[in-house]
Amino acid sequence: MSGTGYPGNRAEPVRTDLAFPFRTDSRGRTAEAAYDDHVRDLIEQLLFTAPGERVMHPDFGCGLLDLVFAPNSPELAATLQLSVQAALQQWLGDVIEVASLDVTSEENVVRVELAYLVRRTGSRRQDVFEGGVAA
């Protein structure tokens, strides 16, 4: 029975990455995501989770949305950039390698433009993440 993931087998266990947000697919089963899409979902969760929001991981997140209504300034931009960079390195440093990062805040929307390498697959991606608070 090789490939079943039982101890003693040489094959790697089958890995299933769930889609985010959690939903069912057309078959009524839990929706799955390709690995690169799963990594994008992980980044999105990290960016828009406030520290303290997760009980078992109170340090998880980067507090990006806490600064949505703060007055724009070069200092705020630098703070956002450092906060996001540090969170990505701490929580996803073994999954991605950041190539470039740009964080902007306009009115009630924060936009993160991220170019990165998915370490496991070697694919280079460039994604834009936007989050905001209803005015």
Protein backbone atom coordinates (compact mmCIF):
# COMPACT_ATOMS: atom_id res chain seq x y z
CA MET A 1 0.00 0.00 0.00
CA SER A 2 2.51 2.63 -1.01
CA GLY A 3 1.39 6.23 -1.26
CA THR A 4 -1.14 6.02 1.56
CA GLY A 5 0.83 8.17 3.97
CA TYR A 6 1.14 5.49 6.65
CA PRO A 7 4.35 5.31 8.70
CA GLY A 8 7.00 3.27 6.97
CA ASN A 9 5.88 4.21 3.49
CA ARG A 10 8.24 6.24 1.37
CA ALA A 11 5.55 8.16 -0.47
CA GLU A 12 4.50 11.54 0.82
CA PRO A 13 0.98 11.69 2.25
CA VAL A 14 -1.66 13.22 0.03
CA ARG A 15 -2.04 16.91 0.82
CA THR A 16 -5.29 18.79 0.40
CA ASP A 17 -5.33 22.58 0.51
CA LEU A 18 -8.70 24.09 1.34
CA ALA A 19 -10.04 27.10 -0.51
CA PHE A 20 -10.43 30.38 1.33
CA PRO A 21 -12.95 31.52 2.25
CA PHE A 22 -14.28 28.12 3.27
CA ARG A 23 -17.02 26.93 0.92
CA THR A 24 -18.37 23.88 -0.84
CA ASP A 25 -17.72 23.04 -4.46
CA SER A 26 -20.23 22.00 -7.14
CA ARG A 27 -20.16 18.42 -5.81
CA GLY A 28 -21.13 19.53 -2.31
CA ARG A 29 -17.65 18.77 -0.97
CA THR A 30 -15.21 21.11 0.71
CA ALA A 31 -13.67 23.28 -2.01
CA GLU A 32 -9.97 22.73 -2.62
CA ALA A 33 -7.33 25.09 -4.00
CA ALA A 34 -4.19 24.51 -6.04
CA TYR A 35 -1.06 25.03 -3.93
CA ASP A 36 -0.15 28.44 -5.41
CA ASP A 37 -3.73 29.65 -4.88
CA HIS A 38 -3.61 28.29 -1.33
CA VAL A 39 -0.46 30.33 -0.67
CA ARG A 40 -2.24 33.45 -1.97
CA ASP A 41 -5.08 32.68 0.44
CA LEU A 42 -2.60 32.37 3.32
CA ILE A 43 -1.15 35.78 2.48
CA GLU A 44 -4.62 37.32 2.38
CA GLN A 45 -5.48 35.85 5.76
CA LEU A 46 -2.25 37.15 7.26
CA LEU A 47 -2.70 40.66 5.86
CA PHE A 48 -6.27 41.16 7.02
CA THR A 49 -6.15 39.46 10.40
CA ALA A 50 -5.63 41.76 13.37
CA PRO A 51 -3.19 40.63 16.07
CA GLY A 52 -5.22 39.21 18.93
CA GLU A 53 -8.05 38.09 16.65
CA ARG A 54 -7.02 34.41 16.74
CA VAL A 55 -7.20 32.94 20.22
CA MET A 56 -4.59 30.21 19.71
CA HIS A 57 -2.24 32.53 17.76
CA PRO A 58 -2.60 35.99 19.31
CA ASP A 59 0.50 37.27 17.47
CA PHE A 60 -0.81 36.22 14.02
CA GLY A 61 -1.63 39.05 11.64
CA CYS A 62 -0.22 42.44 10.87
CA GLY A 63 -2.90 44.94 11.88
CA LEU A 64 -3.16 46.41 8.41
CA LEU A 65 -6.81 47.39 8.71
CA ASP A 66 -6.18 49.18 12.02
CA LEU A 67 -4.49 51.94 10.04
CA VAL A 68 -7.13 52.45 7.34
CA PHE A 69 -8.40 55.74 8.72
CA ALA A 70 -5.08 57.04 10.03
CA PRO A 71 -3.94 60.25 8.29
CA ASN A 72 -1.69 59.53 5.31
CA SER A 73 1.93 60.46 5.79
CA PRO A 74 5.37 59.18 4.81
CA GLU A 75 5.75 57.84 8.36
CA LEU A 76 2.50 55.84 8.08
CA ALA A 77 3.55 54.44 4.71
CA ALA A 78 6.90 53.33 6.15
CA THR A 79 5.16 51.81 9.19
CA LEU A 80 2.72 49.86 7.02
CA GLN A 81 5.53 48.62 4.79
CA LEU A 82 7.64 47.42 7.73
CA SER A 83 4.67 45.85 9.52
CA VAL A 84 3.61 43.86 6.47
CA GLN A 85 7.17 42.83 5.60
CA ALA A 86 7.81 41.63 9.17
CA ALA A 87 4.55 39.64 9.31
CA LEU A 88 5.23 37.98 5.94
CA GLN A 89 8.72 37.02 7.05
CA GLN A 90 7.62 35.74 10.47
CA TRP A 91 4.61 33.70 9.40
CA LEU A 92 5.23 32.79 5.74
CA GLY A 93 9.00 33.10 5.34
CA ASP A 94 9.36 29.37 4.75
CA VAL A 95 6.57 29.40 2.13
CA ILE A 96 7.34 32.53 0.08
CA GLU A 97 10.23 34.80 -0.81
CA VAL A 98 9.15 38.43 -1.17
CA ALA A 99 10.53 40.10 -4.31
CA SER A 100 8.75 43.45 -3.96
CA LEU A 101 6.14 44.97 -1.69
CA ASP A 102 4.18 48.19 -1.99
CA VAL A 103 1.56 49.22 0.58
CA THR A 104 -0.70 52.21 -0.01
CA SER A 105 -3.57 53.62 2.01
CA GLU A 106 -6.19 55.82 0.36
CA GLU A 107 -9.34 56.99 2.13
CA ASN A 108 -10.83 53.79 3.58
CA VAL A 109 -8.90 51.21 1.49
CA VAL A 110 -5.50 49.64 2.01
CA ARG A 111 -3.86 48.14 -1.07
CA VAL A 112 -0.93 45.74 -0.95
CA GLU A 113 0.92 44.93 -4.17
CA LEU A 114 3.14 41.92 -3.62
CA ALA A 115 5.51 40.12 -5.97
CA TYR A 116 6.80 36.85 -4.54
CA LEU A 117 8.23 33.44 -5.25
CA VAL A 118 6.38 30.35 -4.02
CA ARG A 119 9.28 28.29 -2.69
CA ARG A 120 7.71 24.84 -3.12
CA THR A 121 6.67 25.24 -6.75
CA GLY A 122 9.19 27.87 -7.88
CA SER A 123 6.44 29.96 -9.45
CA ARG A 124 6.67 33.75 -9.39
CA ARG A 125 3.45 35.59 -8.64
CA GLN A 126 2.30 39.15 -8.42
CA ASP A 127 -0.94 39.76 -6.54
CA VAL A 128 -2.88 42.77 -5.31
CA PHE A 129 -4.73 42.57 -2.01
CA GLU A 130 -7.28 45.19 -1.03
CA GLY A 131 -9.10 45.60 2.22
CA GLY A 132 -11.11 48.32 3.74
CA VAL A 133 -13.69 49.34 6.24
CA ALA A 134 -17.16 50.42 5.20
CA ALA A 135 -17.48 54.15 5.60
